[in-house]
Amino acid sequence: MSRTIFAGLVLVTALLFTGQSAKAEWLCSPNQCVWVNYDVDEPAYALAWGPPVVPTCFWKQGIFGRWKMICP
């Protein structure tokens, strides 16, 4: 019985670690932000932005300081 419990715990632990997605965030310069697949210090204004709708999308700051998503 203890082998069954141990096997179940191993399975659950493996599923927990494989089910977690890799950390990805917006990497920003003063006028443009691109999506990267690693952990960076994301600026406060980019925290609410989700991942891009298409992998080639990026955020660009406009003339009046507003950010807009560009999807080439």
C-alpha atoms as a PDB file:
ATOM      1  CA  MET A   1       0.000   0.000   0.000  1.00  0.00           C
ATOM      2  CA  SER A   2       2.818   2.433   0.775  1.00  0.00           C
ATOM      3  CA  ARG A   3       4.253   1.848  -2.715  1.00  0.00           C
ATOM      4  CA  THR A   4       0.944   2.875  -4.256  1.00  0.00           C
ATOM      5  CA  ILE A   5       0.822   6.076  -2.205  1.00  0.00           C
ATOM      6  CA  PHE A   6       4.450   6.865  -3.030  1.00  0.00           C
ATOM      7  CA  ALA A   7       3.848   6.254  -6.759  1.00  0.00           C
ATOM      8  CA  GLY A   8       0.826   8.555  -6.636  1.00  0.00           C
ATOM      9  CA  LEU A   9       2.829  11.302  -4.944  1.00  0.00           C
ATOM     10  CA  VAL A  10       5.583  10.999  -7.542  1.00  0.00           C
ATOM     11  CA  LEU A  11       3.022  11.231 -10.350  1.00  0.00           C
ATOM     12  CA  VAL A  12       1.303  14.278  -8.853  1.00  0.00           C
ATOM     13  CA  THR A  13       4.641  16.026  -8.300  1.00  0.00           C
ATOM     14  CA  ALA A  14       5.719  15.334 -11.884  1.00  0.00           C
ATOM     15  CA  LEU A  15       2.432  16.692 -13.234  1.00  0.00           C
ATOM     16  CA  LEU A  16       2.741  19.832 -11.118  1.00  0.00           C
ATOM     17  CA  PHE A  17       6.190  20.668 -12.426  1.00  0.00           C
ATOM     18  CA  THR A  18       5.461  19.870 -16.072  1.00  0.00           C
ATOM     19  CA  GLY A  19       2.142  21.735 -15.991  1.00  0.00           C
ATOM     20  CA  GLN A  20       3.738  25.055 -15.064  1.00  0.00           C
ATOM     21  CA  SER A  21       4.427  27.358 -17.959  1.00  0.00           C
ATOM     22  CA  ALA A  22       7.813  29.000 -18.403  1.00  0.00           C
ATOM     23  CA  LYS A  23       8.117  32.588 -17.254  1.00  0.00           C
ATOM     24  CA  ALA A  24       7.777  35.106 -20.072  1.00  0.00           C
ATOM     25  CA  GLU A  25       7.444  38.871 -19.892  1.00  0.00           C
ATOM     26  CA  TRP A  26       7.703  42.112 -21.814  1.00  0.00           C
ATOM     27  CA  LEU A  27      11.272  43.408 -22.161  1.00  0.00           C
ATOM     28  CA  CYS A  28      11.097  47.171 -22.648  1.00  0.00           C
ATOM     29  CA  SER A  29      13.363  49.874 -23.958  1.00  0.00           C
ATOM     30  CA  PRO A  30      12.262  53.526 -23.620  1.00  0.00           C
ATOM     31  CA  ASN A  31      10.093  53.357 -26.782  1.00  0.00           C
ATOM     32  CA  GLN A  32       9.385  49.688 -27.500  1.00  0.00           C
ATOM     33  CA  CYS A  33       8.565  46.441 -25.669  1.00  0.00           C
ATOM     34  CA  VAL A  34       9.088  42.915 -27.035  1.00  0.00           C
ATOM     35  CA  TRP A  35       7.933  39.566 -25.626  1.00  0.00           C
ATOM     36  CA  VAL A  36      10.749  37.370 -24.302  1.00  0.00           C
ATOM     37  CA  ASN A  37      10.599  33.814 -22.967  1.00  0.00           C
ATOM     38  CA  TYR A  38      12.557  34.484 -19.794  1.00  0.00           C
ATOM     39  CA  ASP A  39      12.111  36.409 -16.566  1.00  0.00           C
ATOM     40  CA  VAL A  40      12.910  40.132 -16.708  1.00  0.00           C
ATOM     41  CA  ASP A  41      12.066  43.136 -14.545  1.00  0.00           C
ATOM     42  CA  GLU A  42       8.931  44.240 -16.331  1.00  0.00           C
ATOM     43  CA  PRO A  43       8.014  47.947 -16.000  1.00  0.00           C
ATOM     44  CA  ALA A  44       4.861  48.741 -14.032  1.00  0.00           C
ATOM     45  CA  TYR A  45       2.936  49.942 -17.096  1.00  0.00           C
ATOM     46  CA  ALA A  46       3.482  46.570 -18.858  1.00  0.00           C
ATOM     47  CA  LEU A  47       2.265  44.382 -15.981  1.00  0.00           C
ATOM     48  CA  ALA A  48      -1.338  44.451 -17.228  1.00  0.00           C
ATOM     49  CA  TRP A  49      -0.414  43.491 -20.787  1.00  0.00           C
ATOM     50  CA  GLY A  50      -0.952  39.849 -21.571  1.00  0.00           C
ATOM     51  CA  PRO A  51       1.095  37.827 -24.040  1.00  0.00           C
ATOM     52  CA  PRO A  52       0.981  38.996 -27.665  1.00  0.00           C
ATOM     53  CA  VAL A  53      -1.829  37.717 -29.882  1.00  0.00           C
ATOM     54  CA  VAL A  54       0.766  36.783 -32.524  1.00  0.00           C
ATOM     55  CA  PRO A  55       4.425  36.034 -31.673  1.00  0.00           C
ATOM     56  CA  THR A  56       5.655  38.892 -33.882  1.00  0.00           C
ATOM     57  CA  CYS A  57       3.583  41.563 -32.079  1.00  0.00           C
ATOM     58  CA  PHE A  58       5.252  44.223 -29.967  1.00  0.00           C
ATOM     59  CA  TRP A  59       4.272  47.387 -28.108  1.00  0.00           C
ATOM     60  CA  LYS A  60       5.481  50.770 -29.363  1.00  0.00           C
ATOM     61  CA  GLN A  61       5.146  54.146 -27.711  1.00  0.00           C
ATOM     62  CA  GLY A  62       3.454  56.761 -29.872  1.00  0.00           C
ATOM     63  CA  ILE A  63       4.051  60.469 -30.263  1.00  0.00           C
ATOM     64  CA  PHE A  64       1.872  61.471 -27.297  1.00  0.00           C
ATOM     65  CA  GLY A  65       3.259  58.810 -24.950  1.00  0.00           C
ATOM     66  CA  ARG A  66       0.514  56.244 -25.457  1.00  0.00           C
ATOM     67  CA  TRP A  67       1.501  52.626 -26.041  1.00  0.00           C
ATOM     68  CA  LYS A  68      -0.041  50.612 -28.891  1.00  0.00           C
ATOM     69  CA  MET A  69       0.394  47.027 -30.005  1.00  0.00           C
ATOM     70  CA  ILE A  70       1.885  46.569 -33.471  1.00  0.00           C
ATOM     71  CA  CYS A  71       1.416  43.212 -35.221  1.00  0.00           C
ATOM     72  CA  PRO A  72       3.367  43.025 -38.480  1.00  0.00           C
END
